[in-house]
Amino acid sequence: MRHSVPKLVMVMNCPKCKEQKVIKNGRTKNNIQQYYCKMCSHRFIEYYTNQAYKLDINEKIVQLTKEGLGIRSTARILEISATTLLKRIVCIARNITRPIVSKGKTYEVDELCTYIRHKKNYIWLVYALERNSKTVVSFNVGKRTNNTLNRVLETLKLSDAKKIFTDRLKNYRYLIDEKLHSVKRFGTNHIERKNLTLRTHLKRLNRRTICFSKSLIIFMAVLKIYFWI
C-alpha cells in the first residue's frame, strides 16, 4: 500500500501575509517552482521576472499617477508595458468607492475645459467640492451641455445641500434652485485653487499642452484615483 508523502514545508515568508507556512505547489507553465501559503492561500514564485506581479505595484502606480507622470514615463520607471499599466489603472479605478456625501453641507461647483483624443474634441470636467473638508464629492466628464452639469448637481440636490456656489455661467441659473444657488465674489475660491492644483499635478489637464488624454476611460480612471485615493 502506497503512503502519501507529506509536502515539504519551506522556511520562506509569504510575500502577502509574511507567514512561514509555505509549501511547494507544483510548477508554472514556464517550469518555475511555485509555492503555496497555508495561511492565506496565496500562490507565488520566489523570483518574478515580470514586474507587474509584484504586490506593491498598484501602490506605485497610484503614487506616480497622482504625481502627474504620463503613461509611458510610469511604465518605464516601473519596468512594465504601457498596455499593462493602462489595464491596471482601469482595474484600480473600478475598485474605488465613491465618497459618502453628507447632508446639509455647502458646495462649490466649477468646470474645466480639456479635450480627448484630439484638440477638436472639447469636453468638460465638472466637479463639486465640499467647502469645509475640501473633498471632491462628485464629478462628471462630457460635452458642454446641461446634462453634463446636471449629473453633478443632482448628487448635491439629493444630499440636501445648504448652499451651492458657482461662477457666472448662465446654465447654472436654470439647473439650481434660486434659494440654493449663490454667485458672489470669492464664492468659488477653494475650487478655483483646486483647479490650479489639478492643472499642476496632472499634465493631461494643462493648458496649451500636447499631453491630453487619448481615451475617455483612462481619463475618468485617472481622475478617480486622483480625487478619491
Foldseek 3Di string as FASTA:
>chain_A
DDDDDDFDQAQDADPPPGDRRKTWDAADPVRATWIAHPPPRDIDGDDDPALVPDPCLLVQLLVVLQQADDLVVSCVVSVHDSVVSLVSLLVVLVPFDADDDAAAFEKEKEWAWAAAQDRVHIKIWIWIAGPPVRATRDIFIGHPDLVRVLVHVVVCVVRNYNAYEYEVDVSVVVRDDPNRYDYDPPRRVSVVVVLVVCVNRHVLRPPPDPRHHHDPSSVVSSVSSNRGD
